[in-house]
Amino acid sequence: MSEEKEKINKKIILNNEIKQFSKAFKENFITLIISSLGLLVALTWNNLWTSWVSTLPVESSMTYKFLIALIITVIAVILTYMLSKVKEI
């Protein structure tokens, strides 16, 4: 009788571990897809900004490119902060 209970307990434990793995796999896969979409959006915006900067008369200036990169970074940090606050609600 004790052996049967032990087998049943092992099956229950194994079943729970499979469920946990399945849940973690789904969560990580969804995160991967969302991250991939974020990368796609970032590359699209990069293309837009690159095209826009190339139309400006001072495009060859490294200082100007640095300033644009700094402005975009500050905007991204502010948006990230705001979105993190929304996520907490």
Protein backbone atom coordinates (compact mmCIF):
# COMPACT_ATOMS: atom_id res chain seq x y z
CA MET A 1 0.00 0.00 0.00
CA SER A 2 2.81 2.38 0.84
CA GLU A 3 4.45 1.78 -2.55
CA GLU A 4 1.23 2.68 -4.35
CA LYS A 5 0.95 5.96 -2.42
CA GLU A 6 4.57 6.72 -3.23
CA LYS A 7 3.97 6.09 -6.94
CA ILE A 8 0.87 8.28 -6.87
CA ASN A 9 2.77 11.05 -5.08
CA LYS A 10 5.57 10.87 -7.66
CA LYS A 11 3.03 11.09 -10.48
CA ILE A 12 1.37 14.10 -8.85
CA ILE A 13 4.73 15.81 -8.37
CA LEU A 14 5.73 15.06 -11.97
CA ASN A 15 2.39 16.34 -13.24
CA ASN A 16 2.81 19.59 -11.26
CA GLU A 17 6.35 20.06 -12.59
CA ILE A 18 5.11 19.55 -16.16
CA LYS A 19 2.38 22.16 -15.60
CA GLN A 20 4.91 24.63 -14.14
CA PHE A 21 7.28 24.06 -17.05
CA SER A 22 4.48 24.50 -19.56
CA LYS A 23 3.37 27.75 -17.93
CA ALA A 24 6.93 29.11 -17.78
CA PHE A 25 7.52 28.10 -21.40
CA LYS A 26 4.39 29.94 -22.56
CA GLU A 27 5.28 33.06 -20.56
CA ASN A 28 8.84 33.11 -21.89
CA PHE A 29 7.69 32.49 -25.45
CA ILE A 30 5.23 35.37 -25.25
CA THR A 31 7.99 37.59 -23.85
CA LEU A 32 10.22 36.56 -26.75
CA ILE A 33 7.54 37.44 -29.30
CA ILE A 34 6.89 40.83 -27.66
CA SER A 35 10.62 41.56 -27.57
CA SER A 36 10.91 40.63 -31.25
CA LEU A 37 8.08 43.01 -32.10
CA GLY A 38 9.82 45.72 -30.07
CA LEU A 39 13.01 45.16 -32.04
CA LEU A 40 11.07 45.39 -35.29
CA VAL A 41 9.54 48.69 -34.20
CA ALA A 42 12.95 50.02 -33.09
CA LEU A 43 14.52 49.14 -36.43
CA THR A 44 11.68 50.84 -38.26
CA TRP A 45 12.10 54.00 -36.20
CA ASN A 46 15.85 53.82 -36.72
CA ASN A 47 15.27 53.79 -40.46
CA LEU A 48 12.98 56.82 -40.18
CA TRP A 49 15.42 58.80 -38.04
CA THR A 50 18.34 57.90 -40.30
CA SER A 51 16.43 59.10 -43.35
CA TRP A 52 15.38 62.28 -41.58
CA VAL A 53 18.90 63.12 -40.36
CA SER A 54 20.29 62.53 -43.84
CA THR A 55 17.98 65.24 -45.22
CA LEU A 56 19.39 67.84 -42.83
CA PRO A 57 22.17 70.08 -44.09
CA VAL A 58 24.38 69.38 -41.06
CA GLU A 59 24.22 65.59 -41.27
CA SER A 60 27.98 65.18 -41.39
CA SER A 61 28.42 66.82 -38.00
CA MET A 62 29.13 64.21 -35.30
CA THR A 63 28.06 66.70 -32.65
CA TYR A 64 24.65 67.00 -34.26
CA LYS A 65 24.26 63.20 -34.51
CA PHE A 66 25.27 62.89 -30.87
CA LEU A 67 22.69 65.52 -29.91
CA ILE A 68 19.94 63.67 -31.80
CA ALA A 69 20.94 60.37 -30.15
CA LEU A 70 20.92 62.05 -26.73
CA ILE A 71 17.46 63.56 -27.29
CA ILE A 72 16.03 60.22 -28.44
CA THR A 73 17.60 58.47 -25.44
CA VAL A 74 16.08 60.97 -23.01
CA ILE A 75 12.66 60.54 -24.65
CA ALA A 76 13.02 56.74 -24.43
CA VAL A 77 13.96 56.89 -20.74
CA ILE A 78 11.01 59.15 -19.94
CA LEU A 79 8.60 56.89 -21.84
CA THR A 80 10.03 53.80 -20.13
CA TYR A 81 9.57 55.42 -16.73
CA MET A 82 5.98 56.42 -17.54
CA LEU A 83 5.15 52.95 -18.84
CA SER A 84 6.62 51.32 -15.75
CA LYS A 85 4.34 53.48 -13.60
CA VAL A 86 1.32 52.43 -15.70
CA LYS A 87 2.33 48.80 -15.28
CA GLU A 88 2.31 49.18 -11.47
CA ILE A 89 -1.30 50.37 -11.45
